[in-house]
Protein backbone atom coordinates (compact mmCIF):
# COMPACT_ATOMS: atom_id res chain seq x y z
CA UNK A 1 26.12 8.71 -18.86
CA UNK A 2 25.17 10.70 -21.94
CA UNK A 3 25.27 7.98 -24.59
CA UNK A 4 22.43 8.20 -27.10
CA UNK A 5 20.43 5.16 -28.10
CA UNK A 6 21.36 4.53 -31.74
CA UNK A 7 18.80 4.91 -34.51
CA UNK A 8 18.89 1.16 -35.12
CA UNK A 9 16.84 0.71 -31.96
CA UNK A 10 14.39 3.63 -32.42
CA UNK A 11 11.11 2.24 -33.77
CA UNK A 12 8.28 4.17 -35.37
CA UNK A 13 5.97 3.59 -32.41
CA UNK A 14 4.12 6.10 -30.31
CA UNK A 15 4.82 6.21 -26.58
CA UNK A 16 1.46 4.53 -25.97
CA UNK A 17 2.34 1.67 -28.34
CA UNK A 18 5.77 1.26 -26.72
CA UNK A 19 4.12 1.15 -23.30
CA UNK A 20 1.75 -1.59 -24.45
CA UNK A 21 4.63 -3.69 -25.84
CA UNK A 22 7.14 -3.20 -23.01
CA UNK A 23 4.69 -3.38 -20.10
CA UNK A 24 3.39 -6.68 -21.46
CA UNK A 25 6.96 -7.96 -21.94
CA UNK A 26 7.76 -7.15 -18.29
CA UNK A 27 4.97 -9.23 -16.76
CA UNK A 28 7.27 -12.23 -16.23
CA UNK A 29 9.50 -10.25 -13.84
CA UNK A 30 8.14 -10.85 -10.33
CA UNK A 31 7.78 -7.86 -8.01
CA UNK A 32 4.74 -8.52 -5.81
CA UNK A 33 6.16 -6.97 -2.66
CA UNK A 34 5.99 -3.87 -0.49
CA UNK A 35 8.86 -1.45 -0.89
CA UNK A 36 10.75 -2.07 2.35
CA UNK A 37 12.05 1.50 2.21
CA UNK A 38 10.90 4.50 4.30
CA UNK A 39 11.51 8.01 3.00
CA UNK A 40 9.47 11.14 3.72
CA UNK A 41 8.49 13.64 1.09
CA UNK A 42 10.76 16.63 0.47
CA UNK A 43 9.94 20.17 -0.53
CA UNK A 44 10.35 20.61 -4.27
CA UNK A 45 10.37 16.86 -4.98
CA UNK A 46 7.72 14.39 -6.08
CA UNK A 47 6.65 11.38 -4.05
CA UNK A 48 7.95 9.44 -1.09
CA UNK A 49 8.59 5.81 -0.21
CA UNK A 50 6.79 3.97 2.58
CA UNK A 51 7.77 0.49 3.74
CA UNK A 52 4.23 -0.79 3.25
CA UNK A 53 2.85 2.02 1.11
CA UNK A 54 3.17 0.71 -2.43
CA UNK A 55 -0.19 0.26 -4.14
CA UNK A 56 -0.85 -3.24 -5.47
CA UNK A 57 -2.82 -4.15 -8.57
CA UNK A 58 -3.22 -7.28 -10.68
CA UNK A 59 -2.20 -7.91 -14.26
CA UNK A 60 -4.44 -9.69 -16.74
CA UNK A 61 -2.69 -13.01 -16.04
CA UNK A 62 -3.37 -12.72 -12.29
CA UNK A 63 0.10 -11.68 -11.19
CA UNK A 64 0.32 -9.08 -8.44
CA UNK A 65 2.12 -5.89 -9.48
CA UNK A 66 2.73 -2.86 -7.31
CA UNK A 67 4.62 -0.45 -9.56
CA UNK A 68 4.84 0.87 -13.09
CA UNK A 69 6.57 -2.26 -14.34
CA UNK A 70 8.21 -1.92 -17.73
CA UNK A 71 11.25 -2.96 -19.72
CA UNK A 72 13.49 -0.25 -21.08
CA UNK A 73 13.76 -2.42 -24.18
CA UNK A 74 12.82 -5.91 -25.31
CA UNK A 75 15.65 -5.97 -27.84
CA UNK A 76 18.08 -8.60 -26.59
CA UNK A 77 21.34 -10.00 -27.91
CA UNK A 78 21.00 -13.05 -25.64
CA UNK A 79 19.15 -16.18 -26.73
CA UNK A 80 17.90 -17.66 -23.44
CA UNK A 81 15.64 -20.56 -24.38
CA UNK A 82 12.93 -19.76 -21.82
CA UNK A 83 12.57 -16.03 -22.63
CA UNK A 84 9.89 -14.59 -24.91
CA UNK A 85 12.27 -11.72 -25.80
CA UNK A 86 15.19 -13.94 -26.86
CA UNK A 87 17.11 -12.88 -29.95
CA UNK A 88 15.75 -15.72 -32.13
CA UNK A 89 12.07 -14.92 -31.46
CA UNK A 90 10.04 -12.91 -33.97
CA UNK A 91 8.26 -10.46 -31.65
CA UNK A 92 7.53 -6.76 -31.80
CA UNK A 93 10.54 -4.85 -30.52
CA UNK A 94 10.51 -1.45 -28.88
CA UNK A 95 12.86 0.74 -26.87
CA UNK A 96 12.09 3.60 -24.49
CA UNK A 97 14.42 6.56 -24.31
CA UNK A 98 15.37 7.67 -20.77
CA UNK A 99 13.29 10.81 -21.27
CA UNK A 100 10.18 8.78 -22.16
CA UNK A 101 10.48 6.57 -19.06
CA UNK A 102 10.85 9.62 -16.83
CA UNK A 103 7.82 11.35 -18.34
CA UNK A 104 5.69 8.21 -18.05
CA UNK A 105 6.67 7.68 -14.41
CA UNK A 106 5.99 11.27 -13.39
CA UNK A 107 2.70 11.55 -15.31
CA UNK A 108 1.44 8.23 -13.93
CA UNK A 109 2.43 9.30 -10.45
CA UNK A 110 0.63 12.63 -10.77
CA UNK A 111 -2.52 10.75 -11.79
CA UNK A 112 -2.17 8.52 -8.73
CA UNK A 113 -1.85 5.39 -10.90
CA UNK A 114 1.46 4.34 -9.33
CA UNK A 115 3.71 5.07 -6.41
CA UNK A 116 6.99 3.85 -7.85
CA UNK A 117 8.89 2.33 -10.75
CA UNK A 118 10.07 -1.20 -11.50
CA UNK A 119 12.61 -1.04 -14.31
CA UNK A 120 14.13 -4.00 -16.11
CA UNK A 121 15.49 -4.49 -19.61
CA UNK A 122 16.65 -6.84 -22.29
CA UNK A 123 20.33 -6.68 -23.19
CA UNK A 124 20.69 -3.92 -25.78
CA UNK A 125 24.03 -4.23 -27.63
CA UNK A 126 25.89 -5.39 -24.48
CA UNK A 127 25.41 -5.41 -20.67
CA UNK A 128 27.45 -2.24 -20.02
CA UNK A 129 25.64 -0.17 -22.66
CA UNK A 130 22.24 -1.31 -21.37
CA UNK A 131 23.10 -0.63 -17.74
CA UNK A 132 24.43 2.80 -18.68
CA UNK A 133 21.10 3.75 -20.27
CA UNK A 134 19.18 2.47 -17.22
CA UNK A 135 21.39 4.49 -14.85
CA UNK A 136 20.96 7.56 -17.07
CA UNK A 137 17.18 7.10 -16.76
CA UNK A 138 17.32 6.86 -12.97
CA UNK A 139 19.68 9.84 -12.68
CA UNK A 140 17.32 11.99 -14.76
CA UNK A 141 14.37 10.85 -12.68
CA UNK A 142 16.09 11.68 -9.38
CA UNK A 143 17.68 15.00 -10.43
CA UNK A 144 15.85 16.69 -13.34
CA UNK A 145 12.39 15.39 -12.37
CA UNK A 146 13.08 15.31 -8.61
CA UNK A 147 11.24 11.99 -8.21
CA UNK A 148 11.62 10.83 -4.60
CA UNK A 149 9.44 7.71 -4.84
CA UNK A 150 10.33 4.04 -4.69
CA UNK A 151 12.43 2.54 -7.50
CA UNK A 152 13.30 -1.14 -7.99
CA UNK A 153 15.87 -1.78 -10.72
CA UNK A 154 17.00 -5.10 -12.17
CA UNK A 155 20.67 -4.95 -13.04
CA UNK A 156 22.31 -6.58 -16.04
CA UNK A 157 24.92 -9.24 -15.07
CA UNK A 158 28.23 -8.45 -16.72
CA UNK A 159 27.96 -4.65 -16.47
CA UNK A 160 30.81 -2.64 -14.94
CA UNK A 161 31.20 -2.16 -11.19
CA UNK A 162 30.83 1.61 -11.57
CA UNK A 163 27.38 1.23 -13.16
CA UNK A 164 26.36 -1.32 -10.53
CA UNK A 165 27.29 1.18 -7.80
CA UNK A 166 25.45 3.98 -9.60
CA UNK A 167 22.26 1.88 -9.81
CA UNK A 168 22.50 1.08 -6.10
CA UNK A 169 22.71 4.76 -5.13
CA UNK A 170 19.83 5.78 -7.39
CA UNK A 171 17.39 2.94 -6.61
CA UNK A 172 15.81 1.70 -3.39
CA UNK A 173 16.05 -1.99 -4.21
CA UNK A 174 18.42 -3.68 -6.61
CA UNK A 175 18.04 -7.15 -8.13
CA UNK A 176 20.31 -9.56 -9.94
CA UNK A 177 18.17 -12.30 -11.44
CA UNK A 178 19.57 -15.76 -10.79
CA UNK A 179 16.99 -17.29 -13.19
CA UNK A 180 17.98 -20.93 -12.54
CA UNK A 181 19.32 -22.53 -9.35
CA UNK A 182 22.21 -24.51 -10.87
CA UNK A 183 25.14 -23.95 -13.19
CA UNK A 184 23.98 -26.87 -15.33
CA UNK A 185 20.55 -25.30 -15.78
CA UNK A 186 22.11 -22.03 -16.92
CA UNK A 187 24.37 -23.79 -19.40
CA UNK A 188 21.37 -25.60 -20.87
CA UNK A 189 18.85 -22.76 -21.08
CA UNK A 190 20.90 -19.55 -20.88
CA UNK A 191 24.24 -20.17 -22.64
CA UNK A 192 25.14 -16.44 -22.56
CA UNK A 193 25.05 -16.35 -18.75
CA UNK A 194 27.19 -17.96 -16.07
CA UNK A 195 26.68 -18.39 -12.35
CA UNK A 196 29.86 -16.39 -11.77
CA UNK A 197 28.57 -13.28 -13.57
CA UNK A 198 25.38 -13.47 -11.48
CA UNK A 199 26.87 -14.17 -8.05
CA UNK A 200 29.79 -11.75 -8.39
CA UNK A 201 27.63 -8.58 -8.45
CA UNK A 202 25.44 -10.06 -5.68
CA UNK A 203 28.49 -10.26 -3.43
CA UNK A 204 29.58 -6.71 -4.28
CA UNK A 205 26.10 -5.33 -3.60
CA UNK A 206 25.99 -7.21 -0.27
CA UNK A 207 29.33 -5.77 0.81
CA UNK A 208 28.43 -2.21 -0.18
CA UNK A 209 25.06 -2.35 1.61
CA UNK A 210 26.80 -3.71 4.71
CA UNK A 211 29.48 -1.00 4.63
CA UNK A 212 26.87 1.76 4.48
CA UNK A 213 24.82 0.26 7.28
CA UNK A 214 27.91 0.00 9.48
CA UNK A 215 28.89 3.56 8.61
CA UNK A 216 25.69 4.90 10.17
CA UNK A 217 25.94 2.68 13.24
CA UNK A 218 23.65 -0.19 12.19
CA UNK A 219 24.28 -3.92 11.98
CA UNK A 220 25.87 -5.09 8.74
CA UNK A 221 22.83 -7.31 8.15
CA UNK A 222 19.44 -6.25 6.82
CA UNK A 223 16.62 -6.04 9.37
CA UNK A 224 14.56 -9.19 9.79
CA UNK A 225 11.37 -10.02 11.64
CA UNK A 226 11.72 -9.20 15.36
CA UNK A 227 10.30 -12.63 16.16
CA UNK A 228 13.50 -14.21 14.82
CA UNK A 229 15.32 -13.22 18.01
CA UNK A 230 13.34 -15.94 19.82
CA UNK A 231 14.07 -18.64 17.23
CA UNK A 232 17.24 -20.62 17.91
CA UNK A 233 16.97 -22.52 14.61
CA UNK A 234 16.56 -19.40 12.42
CA UNK A 235 18.79 -19.27 9.36
CA UNK A 236 19.53 -15.66 10.37
CA UNK A 237 20.72 -16.64 13.85
CA UNK A 238 24.26 -15.82 14.93
CA UNK A 239 25.41 -19.43 15.24
CA UNK A 240 23.83 -20.33 11.90
CA UNK A 241 25.67 -17.46 10.21
CA UNK A 242 28.90 -18.47 11.92
CA UNK A 243 28.57 -22.06 10.73
CA UNK A 244 27.85 -20.85 7.21
CA UNK A 245 30.94 -18.60 7.32
CA UNK A 246 33.05 -21.47 8.65
CA UNK A 247 31.83 -23.66 5.80
CA UNK A 248 32.85 -21.03 3.27
CA UNK A 249 36.23 -20.69 4.99
CA UNK A 250 36.83 -24.42 4.60
CA UNK A 251 36.06 -24.11 0.91
CA UNK A 252 38.51 -21.21 0.66
CA UNK A 253 41.20 -23.25 2.34
CA UNK A 254 40.54 -26.13 -0.06
CA UNK A 255 40.78 -23.83 -3.10
CA UNK A 256 43.50 -21.37 -2.05
CA UNK A 257 45.44 -23.18 0.64
CA UNK A 258 45.42 -22.31 4.33
CA UNK A 259 48.31 -19.84 4.17
CA UNK A 260 46.60 -17.69 1.50
CA UNK A 261 43.24 -17.35 3.21
CA UNK A 262 42.28 -14.08 4.87
CA UNK A 263 39.71 -14.41 7.62
CA UNK A 264 36.92 -12.09 6.46
CA UNK A 265 33.90 -13.84 7.96
CA UNK A 266 33.79 -11.59 11.04
CA UNK A 267 33.29 -8.54 8.86
CA UNK A 268 31.17 -10.07 6.14
CA UNK A 269 28.79 -11.88 8.43
CA UNK A 270 28.82 -9.61 11.47
CA UNK A 271 30.19 -10.05 14.94
CA UNK A 272 28.46 -11.92 17.73
CA UNK A 273 27.39 -8.58 19.23
CA UNK A 274 25.88 -7.46 15.95
CA UNK A 275 23.88 -10.63 15.71
CA UNK A 276 22.32 -10.58 19.18
CA UNK A 277 19.01 -9.39 17.85
CA UNK A 278 18.76 -12.42 15.60
CA UNK A 279 18.95 -15.11 18.26
CA UNK A 280 21.15 -18.16 18.03
CA UNK A 281 20.88 -21.22 15.85
CA UNK A 282 22.40 -24.50 15.01
CA UNK A 283 22.74 -23.83 11.28
CA UNK A 284 23.29 -26.67 8.88
CA UNK A 285 25.62 -28.22 6.37
CA UNK A 286 26.75 -25.80 3.72
CA UNK A 287 28.86 -27.89 1.39
CA UNK A 288 28.22 -30.39 -1.34
CA UNK A 289 24.41 -30.38 -1.29
CA UNK A 290 23.66 -28.54 -4.55
CA UNK A 291 25.58 -27.20 -7.48
CA UNK A 292 24.93 -23.60 -6.50
CA UNK A 293 26.38 -24.12 -3.03
CA UNK A 294 29.68 -25.11 -4.61
CA UNK A 295 29.44 -22.05 -6.83
CA UNK A 296 28.90 -19.79 -3.82
CA UNK A 297 31.86 -21.40 -2.07
CA UNK A 298 34.07 -20.86 -5.14
CA UNK A 299 32.95 -17.25 -5.29
CA UNK A 300 33.81 -16.82 -1.62
CA UNK A 301 37.28 -18.11 -2.37
CA UNK A 302 37.70 -15.64 -5.21
CA UNK A 303 36.52 -12.80 -2.98
CA UNK A 304 39.32 -13.61 -0.55
CA UNK A 305 40.62 -10.51 1.16
CA UNK A 306 37.35 -8.56 0.99
CA UNK A 307 36.99 -7.19 4.53
CA UNK A 308 34.32 -4.85 5.83
CA UNK A 309 35.95 -2.40 8.20
CA UNK A 310 33.72 -1.55 11.16
CA UNK A 311 35.52 1.83 11.38
CA UNK A 312 34.00 3.01 8.07
CA UNK A 313 32.55 6.51 8.29
CA UNK A 314 29.63 8.00 6.42
CA UNK A 315 31.96 10.07 4.20
CA UNK A 316 34.41 7.39 3.17
CA UNK A 317 31.61 4.89 2.57
CA UNK A 318 30.53 7.13 -0.31
CA UNK A 319 33.96 6.74 -1.87
CA UNK A 320 32.74 3.37 -3.12
CA UNK A 321 30.47 5.23 -5.56
CA UNK A 322 31.24 7.22 -8.71
CA UNK A 323 31.80 10.94 -8.03
CA UNK A 324 28.50 12.08 -9.58
CA UNK A 325 26.62 9.67 -7.30
CA UNK A 326 28.33 10.72 -4.08
CA UNK A 327 27.08 14.30 -4.53
CA UNK A 328 23.51 13.07 -4.23
CA UNK A 329 24.16 11.84 -0.67
CA UNK A 330 21.81 8.89 -1.08
CA UNK A 331 21.98 5.60 0.83
CA UNK A 332 23.01 2.56 -1.16
CA UNK A 333 20.02 0.26 -1.91
CA UNK A 334 18.24 0.92 1.44
CA UNK A 335 15.59 -1.73 0.68
CA UNK A 336 18.26 -4.40 0.05
CA UNK A 337 18.64 -6.74 -2.89
CA UNK A 338 16.56 -9.59 -4.23
CA UNK A 339 16.62 -12.21 -6.97
CA UNK A 340 14.26 -14.40 -8.98
CA UNK A 341 14.28 -18.07 -9.96
CA UNK A 342 12.20 -19.75 -12.66
CA UNK A 343 10.20 -22.77 -11.52
CA UNK A 344 9.50 -25.70 -13.81
CA UNK A 345 11.69 -24.88 -16.83
CA UNK A 346 14.32 -27.42 -15.74
CA UNK A 347 14.18 -30.55 -13.63
CA UNK A 348 15.48 -29.27 -10.28
CA UNK A 349 13.57 -30.54 -7.27
CA UNK A 350 11.95 -28.36 -4.62
CA UNK A 351 14.74 -29.48 -2.28
CA UNK A 352 17.39 -28.01 -4.60
CA UNK A 353 15.43 -24.78 -4.99
CA UNK A 354 14.91 -24.40 -1.24
CA UNK A 355 18.54 -25.21 -0.41
CA UNK A 356 19.61 -22.61 -2.96
CA UNK A 357 17.24 -20.09 -1.40
CA UNK A 358 18.66 -20.68 2.07
CA UNK A 359 22.24 -20.31 0.83
CA UNK A 360 21.35 -17.04 -0.91
CA UNK A 361 19.77 -15.64 2.26
CA UNK A 362 22.76 -16.62 4.36
CA UNK A 363 25.53 -15.89 1.88
CA UNK A 364 24.25 -12.67 0.30
CA UNK A 365 21.81 -11.34 2.92
CA UNK A 366 19.05 -11.10 0.31
CA UNK A 367 15.85 -9.42 1.37
CA UNK A 368 13.66 -11.60 -0.83
CA UNK A 369 13.91 -14.53 -3.22
CA UNK A 370 11.10 -14.56 -5.77
CA UNK A 371 9.80 -17.57 -7.70
CA UNK A 372 8.23 -17.44 -11.14
CA UNK A 373 6.31 -20.43 -12.48
CA UNK A 374 7.52 -21.06 -16.03
CA UNK A 375 4.90 -20.41 -18.69
CA UNK A 376 5.70 -22.40 -21.87
CA UNK A 377 6.11 -19.76 -24.57
CA UNK A 378 8.85 -21.10 -26.84
CA UNK A 379 9.20 -24.35 -28.74
CA UNK A 380 12.32 -26.21 -27.71
CA UNK A 381 12.93 -29.86 -26.92
CA UNK A 382 14.57 -29.04 -23.57
CA UNK A 383 11.56 -26.98 -22.42
CA UNK A 384 8.06 -28.04 -21.34
CA UNK A 385 5.76 -28.25 -24.36
CA UNK A 386 3.57 -25.28 -25.28
CA UNK A 387 0.15 -25.85 -23.75
CA UNK A 388 1.58 -27.40 -20.59
CA UNK A 389 0.01 -25.56 -17.63
CA UNK A 390 2.46 -23.51 -15.54
CA UNK A 391 3.22 -25.02 -12.10
CA UNK A 392 1.43 -22.27 -10.19
CA UNK A 393 0.61 -24.45 -7.17
CA UNK A 394 4.25 -25.52 -6.92
CA UNK A 395 5.25 -21.85 -7.01
CA UNK A 396 2.75 -21.17 -4.22
CA UNK A 397 4.17 -23.98 -2.05
CA UNK A 398 7.70 -22.62 -2.53
CA UNK A 399 6.57 -19.17 -1.44
CA UNK A 400 4.99 -20.73 1.65
CA UNK A 401 8.23 -22.59 2.39
CA UNK A 402 10.23 -19.38 1.85
CA UNK A 403 7.98 -17.75 4.46
CA UNK A 404 8.78 -20.58 6.88
CA UNK A 405 12.51 -19.94 6.39
CA UNK A 406 12.23 -16.19 6.97
CA UNK A 407 9.68 -15.97 9.78
CA UNK A 408 9.13 -19.38 11.39
CA UNK A 409 12.63 -20.62 12.20
CA UNK A 410 12.61 -23.57 9.77
CA UNK A 411 15.58 -24.67 7.73
CA UNK A 412 15.51 -26.20 4.25
CA UNK A 413 16.81 -29.56 5.51
CA UNK A 414 13.85 -29.87 7.88
CA UNK A 415 11.19 -29.30 5.24
CA UNK A 416 12.63 -31.52 2.50
CA UNK A 417 15.38 -34.08 2.01
CA UNK A 418 17.02 -36.10 -0.74
CA UNK A 419 14.61 -38.93 0.11
CA UNK A 420 11.61 -36.55 -0.07
CA UNK A 421 12.73 -33.88 -2.58
CA UNK A 422 9.34 -32.34 -3.45
CA UNK A 423 6.45 -30.80 -1.52
CA UNK A 424 3.08 -32.48 -1.18
CA UNK A 425 0.87 -30.14 -3.23
CA UNK A 426 -2.25 -31.22 -1.35
CA UNK A 427 -1.18 -29.56 1.92
CA UNK A 428 0.98 -26.57 2.77
CA UNK A 429 4.65 -27.22 3.74
CA UNK A 430 4.04 -26.56 7.44
CA UNK A 431 1.22 -29.13 7.61
CA UNK A 432 3.35 -31.54 5.63
CA UNK A 433 6.20 -31.15 8.15
CA UNK A 434 3.82 -31.58 11.10
CA UNK A 435 2.31 -34.75 9.63
CA UNK A 436 5.81 -36.23 9.33
CA UNK A 437 6.63 -35.27 12.95
CA UNK A 438 3.51 -36.31 14.83
CA UNK A 439 5.74 -37.50 17.68
CA UNK A 440 6.13 -33.80 18.64
CA UNK A 441 2.37 -33.24 18.89
CA UNK A 442 -0.04 -32.39 20.41
CA UNK A 443 1.42 -29.16 21.83
CA UNK A 444 0.02 -27.65 25.03
CA UNK A 445 -0.61 -23.96 24.29
CA UNK A 446 -0.37 -23.01 27.99
CA UNK A 447 3.27 -24.07 28.28
CA UNK A 448 4.77 -24.40 24.79
CA UNK A 449 7.59 -22.08 23.79
CA UNK A 450 7.09 -19.36 21.17
CA UNK A 451 9.32 -21.30 18.74
CA UNK A 452 7.23 -24.47 19.14
CA UNK A 453 3.94 -22.62 18.77
CA UNK A 454 5.16 -21.30 15.42
CA UNK A 455 5.53 -24.88 14.20
CA UNK A 456 1.86 -25.66 14.82
CA UNK A 457 -0.21 -25.49 11.60
CA UNK A 458 -2.70 -22.67 11.90
CA UNK A 459 -0.58 -20.55 14.29
CA UNK A 460 1.43 -17.65 12.86
CA UNK A 461 3.83 -15.10 14.39
CA UNK A 462 1.04 -12.72 15.44
CA UNK A 463 -1.17 -15.35 17.07
CA UNK A 464 1.86 -17.03 18.70
CA UNK A 465 2.87 -13.68 20.20
CA UNK A 466 -0.67 -13.08 21.45
CA UNK A 467 -0.78 -16.52 23.06
CA UNK A 468 2.53 -16.07 24.92
CA UNK A 469 1.35 -12.66 26.15
CA UNK A 470 -2.21 -13.62 27.14
CA UNK A 471 -1.38 -16.83 29.01
CA UNK A 472 0.60 -14.85 31.59
CA UNK A 473 -2.66 -13.36 32.83
CA UNK A 474 -5.05 -16.28 32.72
CA UNK A 475 -5.99 -19.63 31.25
CA UNK A 476 -6.76 -19.95 27.56
CA UNK A 477 -9.59 -21.82 25.86
CA UNK A 478 -10.33 -22.60 22.23
CA UNK A 479 -12.74 -19.67 21.91
CA UNK A 480 -10.02 -17.23 22.98
CA UNK A 481 -7.53 -18.87 20.60
CA UNK A 482 -9.94 -18.28 17.72
CA UNK A 483 -10.22 -14.60 18.68
CA UNK A 484 -6.41 -14.37 18.65
CA UNK A 485 -6.34 -15.43 14.99
CA UNK A 486 -5.50 -19.14 15.37
CA UNK A 487 -6.90 -21.14 12.44
CA UNK A 488 -8.51 -23.94 14.45
CA UNK A 489 -9.52 -25.80 11.30
CA UNK A 490 -5.86 -26.86 11.07
CA UNK A 491 -4.54 -26.28 14.58
CA UNK A 492 -7.13 -28.42 16.41
CA UNK A 493 -5.33 -31.65 15.46
CA UNK A 494 -1.98 -30.49 16.84
CA UNK A 495 -2.76 -28.66 20.11
CA UNK A 496 -4.30 -29.16 23.50
CA UNK A 497 -5.66 -26.40 25.71
CA UNK A 498 -5.54 -27.15 29.43
CA UNK A 499 -4.66 -30.75 28.59
CA UNK A 500 -7.74 -31.29 26.42
CA UNK A 501 -8.24 -31.47 22.66
CA UNK A 502 -10.91 -29.39 20.96
CA UNK A 503 -12.51 -32.62 19.80
CA UNK A 504 -11.48 -36.15 20.62
CA UNK A 505 -9.56 -37.00 17.44
CA UNK A 506 -6.76 -39.51 16.84
CA UNK A 507 -3.25 -38.12 16.23
CA UNK A 508 -2.78 -40.27 13.16
CA UNK A 509 -1.37 -39.19 9.79
CA UNK A 510 -3.97 -40.78 7.55
CA UNK A 511 -6.91 -39.44 9.55
CA UNK A 512 -5.56 -35.87 9.78
CA UNK A 513 -4.63 -35.85 6.07
CA UNK A 514 -8.18 -36.86 5.15
CA UNK A 515 -9.62 -34.13 7.35
CA UNK A 516 -7.30 -31.44 5.98
CA UNK A 517 -7.62 -32.34 2.31
CA UNK A 518 -10.94 -34.18 2.07
CA UNK A 519 -9.12 -36.89 0.13
CA UNK A 520 -8.61 -40.45 1.28
CA UNK A 521 -5.06 -41.83 1.19
CA UNK A 522 -6.38 -44.73 -0.88
CA UNK A 523 -7.64 -42.27 -3.51
CA UNK A 524 -4.20 -40.62 -3.61
CA UNK A 525 -2.58 -44.02 -4.15
CA UNK A 526 -5.02 -44.85 -6.94
CA UNK A 527 -4.27 -41.52 -8.66
CA UNK A 528 -0.52 -42.06 -8.46
CA UNK A 529 -0.85 -45.58 -9.91
CA UNK A 530 -3.61 -44.82 -12.43
CA UNK A 531 -1.50 -45.81 -15.45
CA UNK A 532 -0.42 -49.16 -14.01
CA UNK A 533 -2.19 -52.30 -15.18
CA UNK A 534 -2.84 -55.24 -12.88
CA UNK A 535 -3.53 -58.87 -13.81
CA UNK A 536 -4.34 -61.91 -11.72
CA UNK A 537 -1.23 -63.87 -10.75
CA UNK A 538 -0.96 -67.43 -12.03
CA UNK A 539 0.60 -70.45 -10.36
CA UNK A 540 3.55 -70.05 -12.73
CA UNK A 541 4.40 -66.75 -11.01
CA UNK A 542 5.08 -68.77 -7.86
CA UNK A 543 7.13 -71.40 -9.74
CA UNK A 544 4.31 -73.96 -9.58
CA UNK A 545 3.13 -75.96 -12.55
C-alpha cells in the first residue's frame, strides 16, 4: 500500500481549498448516525469510540453530520447520471493525499471539532487503485498517528477482496452504497455499476463479520434492540430468518440443481439457539416481489458452498485478512455494515424500496439502510428537472418505516402492498397502518401485549415497556400514560384505559384522519382531482334524444 498518487491528480490547491471542495462534495453521502462501536482510550493513542458518543452537527443544507465527512477525491472515471462528480461534469476537482487526510483528522480532533472520520471517494483511475489509497490513509491514521477514534469508510465496488478485508480491519463501520434498489435503475443511471458488484462485497463483509463474532463466542448476527425478543413478527426473528434462508435455498436449487446445492443457511443465518434472543416470527415471501430480491437470490446461488464454521477460533479468523492487518489485532468492522439508496431519481415505489430494505436486513445483516432524497443537480432527460424540489418528506416517511421494521416488529408487506405502493405523506406510516386496521382498535392498555402496544400510534418501545412494567403494580390512567411518554395526541383514538376512552370519539377513519392532519378528506379529494374539469351531463350522455 505504498502507491503514490500520480501528478495528474495533484492540483495547485491549498489544503484549506481542498477541504472546502471535498467536504462540500461529500454532503450527499448520508451518515447521520451514532457510531455503534465501543472502544476505550489507550495510552499513547488518540481518541476513543463510544456507541452513542459521536458529536452531531448540521451542514448548510440541513443534513445531520456527525464526523469529519470528506471525499478523498472528487475525480471520477464513472459517469453516473445522478452524481455531481460524474466524469462529464465541469466541476472543480481536488484530491487529498493520505498524509493530508491524516493531518486534518488529527488536528480537527485535537481542537475538539470532531470525534471521528467519514471517508468516501470518487473512483480515481479504477476501483482497486482508489481503494488502495483509502486503505493506505486508514493504515497511516491507525499506526503512525495512533488514532483510536471512530472511522466509517465507504468502499468502492469492484475493488479486490484483499483491500475490502483491509478496510474492514481498519474501520469501525464499512459501507457499500447500493445507490438504487433495482438492476434496471442501475443500468439506466449508473451504467458503470452492476448489482452483482455491489451485493458481492456485501455478502463477503457479512460472512467475515459473522466469523469474527462467532470466534469470540457471540452470535453470528449483529445485536438488535432487546425489545425484538418479544416481537414474534420481527424480521430479525428466528423463524423469519429461517424462512428467508429457505427461500434462498429454493432459488439455489432452481439455479444450480438440487444435487449441487450445499446447505449453508444454518451457518450463514445462525442456529435456532443463536437466535433465541431475537424471538420468533412468521417471516414473509422472499421471491419474485422486486428485482433486487431476484438479484439477492442469484447471488446466494453463486455463493454456494460458503459455510461459516462455528468452530472458528480467534487466531484463524484473522487468517481471512492480509498479513499486515492481522498484526494489528483489530476486530473486523465491529459497528457492522450499512448502505445508502437514492430516493426520487427513478420511479421505484415506496413498496419496492421498503421490500429491498427488508431483504438487505435479512440477507446481509445490515446495521442500517440510509435514504438520500435526490437533489436535481444534472440536466438529463431521465432525471427530475433542475428546480424540482427534493422529496424530503418522502425520505422522512421511509426513515420512519425503516424504524418500524427494526424496532416495532412490522414487516414491509404489512405497511405497503402492490395495491397501495406509496406512503400517505400526510400521516406517519404507523398511523397510516392503524387507520387501515381499525378493526384491531381500540386497544386496552391494561391487558394488551407488548407487541400490540407497539402498534398503537403514539406509543414507542420505551413507553410500551413502562406500561407493561407499571400495570403489574396498579391501574393506569391517562395522566400516568402521559408521564410515561405516551403521545396522547395520537394514541387517544386507538386506546382505552380501564375500558374507557380519553374522550368519547368515534373509531372512524375519516374522523381520525381529520383530527390528526387538520385536513378534511373532501379537501384531499379536491387536491388530487384539481386538474380535472367537470361539465354538466346532457341527455345524450344517457342515450336520450
